[in-house]
Amino acid sequence: MTAHQGGGSPGAATAGQRGRGAGRAPRSGRDTYTPQTLLSVAVRVFNERGYDGTSMEHLSQAAGISKSSIYHHVSSKEELLRWAVSRAIDGLFAVLDEEGAVTGRPLERAQYVTRRTVEVLVAELPYVTLLLRVRGNTDTERWALERRREFDHRVARLFSAAVQEGELRGDVEVRMATRLLFGMINSVVEWYRPDGVRQGGGGSPYEEGPLGSGAEIADAVVRIAFSGLRAANPGPAGD
């Protein structure tokens, strides 16, 4: 994997096996509380309160353990932030090394990367949500922003290759096209909820029930985005 490997993120489960966040954890001793369960609680609190608005006391209350027990696992809340954003970043960069991202025509590869990016976002929703909300106020946040820019640039180079092959339209500047695409992808964190309840602009649920799987959402993004980006007479790549 080309992504940063030194973040110290706990756990090695796949995206499908990992949890999607946790509620208030049961009060327990530090011998039974794991770094992974602590991370799940921390990510939830960071997303609810904002990283800057979260203290170790907030994390202690949410986890149901003492601050000293938290310090048994981590040196600071920024270390938890590093674990969390590393997990999201590693998942995204791993997509770029998958076979579908490195073989085939540029258009096929661009579509594959787009689809898999959405799937990672849905599978790692709390972690990617946190990644998208960092503002560069700490060393970890600045590192995360730089890694996001690197990911965007690699995807932009893939789109540029598709334009050169005549598979994507050339009358839309590549950087603009990729930013518009990522705007669509990143918006998923604002409305998608695994429990099927999405929040409207005023904070009231406007729809309930399952919207679709990560794969179904990813397919919808690919169809909508590339119907506008594909050249009028593209090469033989297809969807």
C-alpha atoms as a PDB file:
ATOM      1  CA  MET A   1       0.000   0.000   0.000  1.00  0.00           C
ATOM      2  CA  THR A   2       1.339   3.430  -0.873  1.00  0.00           C
ATOM      3  CA  ALA A   3      -0.440   5.175   1.982  1.00  0.00           C
ATOM      4  CA  HIS A   4       1.254   6.104   5.234  1.00  0.00           C
ATOM      5  CA  GLN A   5       1.868   2.988   7.280  1.00  0.00           C
ATOM      6  CA  GLY A   6       3.125   4.520  10.511  1.00  0.00           C
ATOM      7  CA  GLY A   7      -0.038   5.975  11.986  1.00  0.00           C
ATOM      8  CA  GLY A   8      -0.319   3.215  14.563  1.00  0.00           C
ATOM      9  CA  SER A   9      -4.013   2.673  13.875  1.00  0.00           C
ATOM     10  CA  PRO A  10      -5.246  -0.217  16.003  1.00  0.00           C
ATOM     11  CA  GLY A  11      -6.756  -3.319  14.430  1.00  0.00           C
ATOM     12  CA  ALA A  12      -6.164  -4.930  11.073  1.00  0.00           C
ATOM     13  CA  ALA A  13      -9.704  -5.947  10.058  1.00  0.00           C
ATOM     14  CA  THR A  14     -11.045  -5.244   6.592  1.00  0.00           C
ATOM     15  CA  ALA A  15     -13.445  -2.383   5.950  1.00  0.00           C
ATOM     16  CA  GLY A  16     -16.399  -4.751   5.898  1.00  0.00           C
ATOM     17  CA  GLN A  17     -15.400  -6.262   9.237  1.00  0.00           C
ATOM     18  CA  ARG A  18     -14.778  -3.030  11.084  1.00  0.00           C
ATOM     19  CA  GLY A  19     -17.364  -1.349  13.244  1.00  0.00           C
ATOM     20  CA  ARG A  20     -19.229   1.729  12.135  1.00  0.00           C
ATOM     21  CA  GLY A  21     -18.731   3.638  15.389  1.00  0.00           C
ATOM     22  CA  ALA A  22     -19.967   2.936  18.862  1.00  0.00           C
ATOM     23  CA  GLY A  23     -22.383   4.261  21.401  1.00  0.00           C
ATOM     24  CA  ARG A  24     -21.487   4.906  24.994  1.00  0.00           C
ATOM     25  CA  ALA A  25     -19.131   2.128  26.008  1.00  0.00           C
ATOM     26  CA  PRO A  26     -19.714   0.054  29.127  1.00  0.00           C
ATOM     27  CA  ARG A  27     -17.750   1.096  32.154  1.00  0.00           C
ATOM     28  CA  SER A  28     -14.825  -1.256  32.386  1.00  0.00           C
ATOM     29  CA  GLY A  29     -11.245  -1.496  33.537  1.00  0.00           C
ATOM     30  CA  ARG A  30      -8.367  -0.647  31.273  1.00  0.00           C
ATOM     31  CA  ASP A  31      -7.453  -4.345  31.063  1.00  0.00           C
ATOM     32  CA  THR A  32     -10.668  -5.042  29.128  1.00  0.00           C
ATOM     33  CA  TYR A  33     -10.945  -1.785  27.179  1.00  0.00           C
ATOM     34  CA  THR A  34      -9.184  -2.032  23.817  1.00  0.00           C
ATOM     35  CA  PRO A  35      -7.601   0.654  21.638  1.00  0.00           C
ATOM     36  CA  GLN A  36     -10.139  -0.186  18.903  1.00  0.00           C
ATOM     37  CA  THR A  37     -13.190   0.380  21.107  1.00  0.00           C
ATOM     38  CA  LEU A  38     -11.620   3.575  22.432  1.00  0.00           C
ATOM     39  CA  LEU A  39     -11.004   4.740  18.867  1.00  0.00           C
ATOM     40  CA  SER A  40     -14.622   4.066  17.882  1.00  0.00           C
ATOM     41  CA  VAL A  41     -15.866   6.188  20.768  1.00  0.00           C
ATOM     42  CA  ALA A  42     -13.362   8.957  20.053  1.00  0.00           C
ATOM     43  CA  VAL A  43     -14.348   9.193  16.392  1.00  0.00           C
ATOM     44  CA  ARG A  44     -18.009   9.457  17.315  1.00  0.00           C
ATOM     45  CA  VAL A  45     -17.328  12.243  19.819  1.00  0.00           C
ATOM     46  CA  PHE A  46     -14.980  14.091  17.444  1.00  0.00           C
ATOM     47  CA  ASN A  47     -17.696  14.044  14.770  1.00  0.00           C
ATOM     48  CA  GLU A  48     -20.386  15.198  17.211  1.00  0.00           C
ATOM     49  CA  ARG A  49     -18.444  17.931  19.027  1.00  0.00           C
ATOM     50  CA  GLY A  50     -15.689  18.726  16.571  1.00  0.00           C
ATOM     51  CA  TYR A  51     -12.086  17.807  17.287  1.00  0.00           C
ATOM     52  CA  ASP A  52     -11.225  21.205  18.765  1.00  0.00           C
ATOM     53  CA  GLY A  53     -14.347  21.098  20.938  1.00  0.00           C
ATOM     54  CA  THR A  54     -13.514  17.690  22.416  1.00  0.00           C
ATOM     55  CA  SER A  55     -11.538  17.301  25.620  1.00  0.00           C
ATOM     56  CA  MET A  56     -10.138  14.202  27.249  1.00  0.00           C
ATOM     57  CA  GLU A  57     -12.888  14.629  29.836  1.00  0.00           C
ATOM     58  CA  HIS A  58     -15.500  14.355  27.073  1.00  0.00           C
ATOM     59  CA  LEU A  59     -13.822  11.179  25.816  1.00  0.00           C
ATOM     60  CA  SER A  60     -13.649   9.778  29.335  1.00  0.00           C
ATOM     61  CA  GLN A  61     -17.368  10.348  29.892  1.00  0.00           C
ATOM     62  CA  ALA A  62     -18.333   8.893  26.511  1.00  0.00           C
ATOM     63  CA  ALA A  63     -16.147   5.833  26.976  1.00  0.00           C
ATOM     64  CA  GLY A  64     -17.172   5.248  30.562  1.00  0.00           C
ATOM     65  CA  ILE A  65     -13.580   4.965  31.751  1.00  0.00           C
ATOM     66  CA  SER A  66     -11.224   7.256  33.617  1.00  0.00           C
ATOM     67  CA  LYS A  67      -8.854   9.633  31.860  1.00  0.00           C
ATOM     68  CA  SER A  68      -5.936   7.680  33.310  1.00  0.00           C
ATOM     69  CA  SER A  69      -7.251   4.554  31.568  1.00  0.00           C
ATOM     70  CA  ILE A  70      -7.341   6.463  28.278  1.00  0.00           C
ATOM     71  CA  TYR A  71      -3.756   7.599  28.812  1.00  0.00           C
ATOM     72  CA  HIS A  72      -2.836   3.957  29.299  1.00  0.00           C
ATOM     73  CA  HIS A  73      -3.567   3.499  25.564  1.00  0.00           C
ATOM     74  CA  VAL A  74      -2.716   6.896  24.034  1.00  0.00           C
ATOM     75  CA  SER A  75      -0.597   9.911  24.895  1.00  0.00           C
ATOM     76  CA  SER A  76      -3.107  12.528  23.715  1.00  0.00           C
ATOM     77  CA  LYS A  77      -6.342  13.060  21.838  1.00  0.00           C
ATOM     78  CA  GLU A  78      -4.250  13.965  18.789  1.00  0.00           C
ATOM     79  CA  GLU A  79      -2.892  10.425  18.750  1.00  0.00           C
ATOM     80  CA  LEU A  80      -6.486   9.188  18.521  1.00  0.00           C
ATOM     81  CA  LEU A  81      -7.074  11.632  15.674  1.00  0.00           C
ATOM     82  CA  ARG A  82      -3.989  10.268  13.914  1.00  0.00           C
ATOM     83  CA  TRP A  83      -5.251   6.711  14.259  1.00  0.00           C
ATOM     84  CA  ALA A  84      -8.654   7.690  12.896  1.00  0.00           C
ATOM     85  CA  VAL A  85      -7.596   9.682   9.846  1.00  0.00           C
ATOM     86  CA  SER A  86      -4.865   7.141   9.046  1.00  0.00           C
ATOM     87  CA  ARG A  87      -7.525   4.460   8.827  1.00  0.00           C
ATOM     88  CA  ALA A  88      -9.539   6.533   6.347  1.00  0.00           C
ATOM     89  CA  ILE A  89      -6.507   7.559   4.303  1.00  0.00           C
ATOM     90  CA  ASP A  90      -5.081   4.051   4.129  1.00  0.00           C
ATOM     91  CA  GLY A  91      -8.408   2.736   2.874  1.00  0.00           C
ATOM     92  CA  LEU A  92      -8.559   5.339   0.121  1.00  0.00           C
ATOM     93  CA  PHE A  93      -4.969   4.912  -1.029  1.00  0.00           C
ATOM     94  CA  ALA A  94      -5.369   1.135  -1.082  1.00  0.00           C
ATOM     95  CA  VAL A  95      -7.964   1.610  -3.839  1.00  0.00           C
ATOM     96  CA  LEU A  96      -5.279   3.081  -6.105  1.00  0.00           C
ATOM     97  CA  ASP A  97      -3.261  -0.136  -5.867  1.00  0.00           C
ATOM     98  CA  GLU A  98      -6.129  -2.498  -6.685  1.00  0.00           C
ATOM     99  CA  GLU A  99      -6.053  -4.276 -10.043  1.00  0.00           C
ATOM    100  CA  GLY A 100      -9.020  -2.338 -11.422  1.00  0.00           C
ATOM    101  CA  ALA A 101      -7.201   0.932 -10.752  1.00  0.00           C
ATOM    102  CA  VAL A 102      -3.991  -0.002 -12.529  1.00  0.00           C
ATOM    103  CA  THR A 103      -5.109  -2.120 -15.498  1.00  0.00           C
ATOM    104  CA  GLY A 104      -7.366  -1.358 -18.422  1.00  0.00           C
ATOM    105  CA  ARG A 105      -8.145   1.828 -20.310  1.00  0.00           C
ATOM    106  CA  PRO A 106      -7.978   5.149 -18.421  1.00  0.00           C
ATOM    107  CA  LEU A 107     -11.773   5.594 -18.460  1.00  0.00           C
ATOM    108  CA  GLU A 108     -12.324   2.146 -16.989  1.00  0.00           C
ATOM    109  CA  ARG A 109      -9.739   2.859 -14.296  1.00  0.00           C
ATOM    110  CA  ALA A 110     -11.266   6.253 -13.498  1.00  0.00           C
ATOM    111  CA  GLN A 111     -14.697   4.694 -13.129  1.00  0.00           C
ATOM    112  CA  TYR A 112     -13.294   1.913 -10.959  1.00  0.00           C
ATOM    113  CA  VAL A 113     -11.507   4.347  -8.632  1.00  0.00           C
ATOM    114  CA  THR A 114     -14.643   6.483  -8.355  1.00  0.00           C
ATOM    115  CA  ARG A 115     -16.807   3.482  -7.517  1.00  0.00           C
ATOM    116  CA  ARG A 116     -14.375   2.081  -4.950  1.00  0.00           C
ATOM    117  CA  THR A 117     -13.838   5.486  -3.315  1.00  0.00           C
ATOM    118  CA  VAL A 118     -17.555   5.707  -2.614  1.00  0.00           C
ATOM    119  CA  GLU A 119     -17.590   2.153  -1.283  1.00  0.00           C
ATOM    120  CA  VAL A 120     -14.720   2.920   1.108  1.00  0.00           C
ATOM    121  CA  LEU A 121     -16.483   6.088   2.236  1.00  0.00           C
ATOM    122  CA  VAL A 122     -19.658   4.165   3.062  1.00  0.00           C
ATOM    123  CA  ALA A 123     -17.807   1.286   4.729  1.00  0.00           C
ATOM    124  CA  GLU A 124     -15.680   3.648   6.838  1.00  0.00           C
ATOM    125  CA  LEU A 125     -18.263   6.402   7.184  1.00  0.00           C
ATOM    126  CA  PRO A 126     -17.327   7.798  10.652  1.00  0.00           C
ATOM    127  CA  TYR A 127     -13.612   7.792   9.824  1.00  0.00           C
ATOM    128  CA  VAL A 128     -13.920   9.394   6.387  1.00  0.00           C
ATOM    129  CA  THR A 129     -16.376  11.926   7.827  1.00  0.00           C
ATOM    130  CA  LEU A 130     -13.734  12.957  10.355  1.00  0.00           C
ATOM    131  CA  LEU A 131     -11.074  13.119   7.649  1.00  0.00           C
ATOM    132  CA  LEU A 132     -13.221  15.469   5.584  1.00  0.00           C
ATOM    133  CA  ARG A 133     -13.748  17.775   8.570  1.00  0.00           C
ATOM    134  CA  VAL A 134     -10.131  18.383   9.578  1.00  0.00           C
ATOM    135  CA  ARG A 135      -9.084  22.004   9.180  1.00  0.00           C
ATOM    136  CA  GLY A 136      -5.304  22.032   9.541  1.00  0.00           C
ATOM    137  CA  ASN A 137      -5.050  23.291  13.118  1.00  0.00           C
ATOM    138  CA  THR A 138      -2.639  20.560  14.268  1.00  0.00           C
ATOM    139  CA  ASP A 139       0.290  18.661  12.779  1.00  0.00           C
ATOM    140  CA  THR A 140      -1.924  15.624  12.279  1.00  0.00           C
ATOM    141  CA  GLU A 141      -4.604  17.663  10.504  1.00  0.00           C
ATOM    142  CA  ARG A 142      -2.041  19.295   8.225  1.00  0.00           C
ATOM    143  CA  TRP A 143      -0.596  15.871   7.410  1.00  0.00           C
ATOM    144  CA  ALA A 144      -4.088  14.553   6.646  1.00  0.00           C
ATOM    145  CA  LEU A 145      -4.848  17.490   4.346  1.00  0.00           C
ATOM    146  CA  GLU A 146      -1.606  16.907   2.474  1.00  0.00           C
ATOM    147  CA  ARG A 147      -2.456  13.232   2.021  1.00  0.00           C
ATOM    148  CA  ARG A 148      -5.935  14.189   0.740  1.00  0.00           C
ATOM    149  CA  ARG A 149      -4.329  16.510  -1.804  1.00  0.00           C
ATOM    150  CA  GLU A 150      -1.993  13.723  -2.910  1.00  0.00           C
ATOM    151  CA  PHE A 151      -4.946  11.371  -3.399  1.00  0.00           C
ATOM    152  CA  ASP A 152      -6.829  14.022  -5.387  1.00  0.00           C
ATOM    153  CA  HIS A 153      -3.786  14.654  -7.593  1.00  0.00           C
ATOM    154  CA  ARG A 154      -3.377  10.960  -8.374  1.00  0.00           C
ATOM    155  CA  VAL A 155      -7.018  10.703  -9.389  1.00  0.00           C
ATOM    156  CA  ALA A 156      -6.671  13.876 -11.470  1.00  0.00           C
ATOM    157  CA  ARG A 157      -3.742  12.329 -13.363  1.00  0.00           C
ATOM    158  CA  LEU A 158      -5.933   9.343 -14.158  1.00  0.00           C
ATOM    159  CA  PHE A 159      -8.655  11.637 -15.479  1.00  0.00           C
ATOM    160  CA  SER A 160      -6.088  13.545 -17.516  1.00  0.00           C
ATOM    161  CA  ALA A 161      -4.993  10.289 -19.162  1.00  0.00           C
ATOM    162  CA  ALA A 162      -8.621   9.555 -20.060  1.00  0.00           C
ATOM    163  CA  VAL A 163      -8.930  12.998 -21.630  1.00  0.00           C
ATOM    164  CA  GLN A 164      -5.747  12.419 -23.638  1.00  0.00           C
ATOM    165  CA  GLU A 165      -7.221   9.155 -24.923  1.00  0.00           C
ATOM    166  CA  GLY A 166     -10.378  10.965 -26.002  1.00  0.00           C
ATOM    167  CA  GLU A 167     -12.515   9.006 -23.534  1.00  0.00           C
ATOM    168  CA  LEU A 168     -13.453  11.985 -21.352  1.00  0.00           C
ATOM    169  CA  ARG A 169     -14.454  15.365 -22.658  1.00  0.00           C
ATOM    170  CA  GLY A 170     -11.668  17.886 -22.976  1.00  0.00           C
ATOM    171  CA  ASP A 171     -13.706  21.077 -22.674  1.00  0.00           C
ATOM    172  CA  VAL A 172     -13.851  20.816 -18.849  1.00  0.00           C
ATOM    173  CA  GLU A 173     -10.559  21.469 -17.081  1.00  0.00           C
ATOM    174  CA  VAL A 174      -9.389  18.297 -15.319  1.00  0.00           C
ATOM    175  CA  ARG A 175      -8.897  19.886 -11.902  1.00  0.00           C
ATOM    176  CA  MET A 176     -12.387  21.342 -12.046  1.00  0.00           C
ATOM    177  CA  ALA A 177     -13.865  18.026 -13.122  1.00  0.00           C
ATOM    178  CA  THR A 178     -12.178  16.101 -10.295  1.00  0.00           C
ATOM    179  CA  ARG A 179     -13.185  18.694  -7.709  1.00  0.00           C
ATOM    180  CA  LEU A 180     -16.785  18.535  -8.855  1.00  0.00           C
ATOM    181  CA  LEU A 181     -16.634  14.745  -8.722  1.00  0.00           C
ATOM    182  CA  PHE A 182     -15.194  14.731  -5.210  1.00  0.00           C
ATOM    183  CA  GLY A 183     -17.801  17.280  -4.179  1.00  0.00           C
ATOM    184  CA  MET A 184     -20.462  14.753  -5.144  1.00  0.00           C
ATOM    185  CA  ILE A 185     -18.660  11.862  -3.465  1.00  0.00           C
ATOM    186  CA  ASN A 186     -17.866  13.735  -0.250  1.00  0.00           C
ATOM    187  CA  SER A 187     -21.452  14.938   0.114  1.00  0.00           C
ATOM    188  CA  VAL A 188     -22.455  11.359   0.898  1.00  0.00           C
ATOM    189  CA  VAL A 189     -21.155  11.782   4.469  1.00  0.00           C
ATOM    190  CA  GLU A 190     -23.690  14.564   5.040  1.00  0.00           C
ATOM    191  CA  TRP A 191     -26.833  12.616   4.182  1.00  0.00           C
ATOM    192  CA  TYR A 192     -26.142   8.886   4.172  1.00  0.00           C
ATOM    193  CA  ARG A 193     -26.901   6.986   7.377  1.00  0.00           C
ATOM    194  CA  PRO A 194     -26.484   3.201   7.655  1.00  0.00           C
ATOM    195  CA  ASP A 195     -29.730   3.006   9.665  1.00  0.00           C
ATOM    196  CA  GLY A 196     -31.628   4.514   6.747  1.00  0.00           C
ATOM    197  CA  VAL A 197     -32.500   7.809   8.474  1.00  0.00           C
ATOM    198  CA  ARG A 198     -31.100  10.897   6.799  1.00  0.00           C
ATOM    199  CA  GLN A 199     -31.274  14.382   8.219  1.00  0.00           C
ATOM    200  CA  GLY A 200     -32.659  17.313   6.231  1.00  0.00           C
ATOM    201  CA  GLY A 201     -31.207  20.812   6.285  1.00  0.00           C
ATOM    202  CA  GLY A 202     -33.279  21.803   9.305  1.00  0.00           C
ATOM    203  CA  GLY A 203     -32.242  18.757  11.285  1.00  0.00           C
ATOM    204  CA  SER A 204     -35.537  16.903  10.794  1.00  0.00           C
ATOM    205  CA  PRO A 205     -35.662  13.485   9.139  1.00  0.00           C
ATOM    206  CA  TYR A 206     -37.125  13.905   5.674  1.00  0.00           C
ATOM    207  CA  GLU A 207     -36.933  10.287   4.624  1.00  0.00           C
ATOM    208  CA  GLU A 208     -36.684   6.909   6.278  1.00  0.00           C
ATOM    209  CA  GLY A 209     -35.912   3.450   5.022  1.00  0.00           C
ATOM    210  CA  PRO A 210     -32.917   1.897   3.298  1.00  0.00           C
ATOM    211  CA  LEU A 211     -31.415   3.982   0.529  1.00  0.00           C
ATOM    212  CA  GLY A 212     -29.136   1.318  -0.871  1.00  0.00           C
ATOM    213  CA  SER A 213     -25.877  -0.462  -0.282  1.00  0.00           C
ATOM    214  CA  GLY A 214     -22.499   1.128  -0.709  1.00  0.00           C
ATOM    215  CA  ALA A 215     -22.182  -0.584  -4.088  1.00  0.00           C
ATOM    216  CA  GLU A 216     -25.553   0.783  -5.232  1.00  0.00           C
ATOM    217  CA  ILE A 217     -24.668   4.322  -4.180  1.00  0.00           C
ATOM    218  CA  ALA A 218     -21.288   3.979  -5.881  1.00  0.00           C
ATOM    219  CA  ASP A 219     -22.911   2.816  -9.121  1.00  0.00           C
ATOM    220  CA  ALA A 220     -25.282   5.792  -9.015  1.00  0.00           C
ATOM    221  CA  VAL A 221     -22.387   8.230  -8.590  1.00  0.00           C
ATOM    222  CA  VAL A 222     -20.517   6.648 -11.515  1.00  0.00           C
ATOM    223  CA  ARG A 223     -23.569   6.773 -13.798  1.00  0.00           C
ATOM    224  CA  ILE A 224     -24.427  10.389 -12.966  1.00  0.00           C
ATOM    225  CA  ALA A 225     -20.866  11.747 -13.019  1.00  0.00           C
ATOM    226  CA  PHE A 226     -19.577   9.995 -16.116  1.00  0.00           C
ATOM    227  CA  SER A 227     -22.699  10.610 -18.167  1.00  0.00           C
ATOM    228  CA  GLY A 228     -21.615  14.244 -18.092  1.00  0.00           C
ATOM    229  CA  LEU A 229     -17.847  13.709 -18.273  1.00  0.00           C
ATOM    230  CA  ARG A 230     -17.697  11.097 -21.042  1.00  0.00           C
ATOM    231  CA  ALA A 231     -16.643  12.359 -24.467  1.00  0.00           C
ATOM    232  CA  ALA A 232     -19.277  12.445 -27.207  1.00  0.00           C
ATOM    233  CA  ASN A 233     -17.464   9.681 -29.105  1.00  0.00           C
ATOM    234  CA  PRO A 234     -15.478   7.858 -26.419  1.00  0.00           C
ATOM    235  CA  GLY A 235     -13.134   4.961 -26.963  1.00  0.00           C
ATOM    236  CA  PRO A 236     -14.321   1.404 -26.420  1.00  0.00           C
ATOM    237  CA  ALA A 237     -13.994   1.511 -22.618  1.00  0.00           C
ATOM    238  CA  GLY A 238     -17.696   1.457 -21.682  1.00  0.00           C
ATOM    239  CA  ASP A 239     -19.031   1.509 -18.125  1.00  0.00           C
END
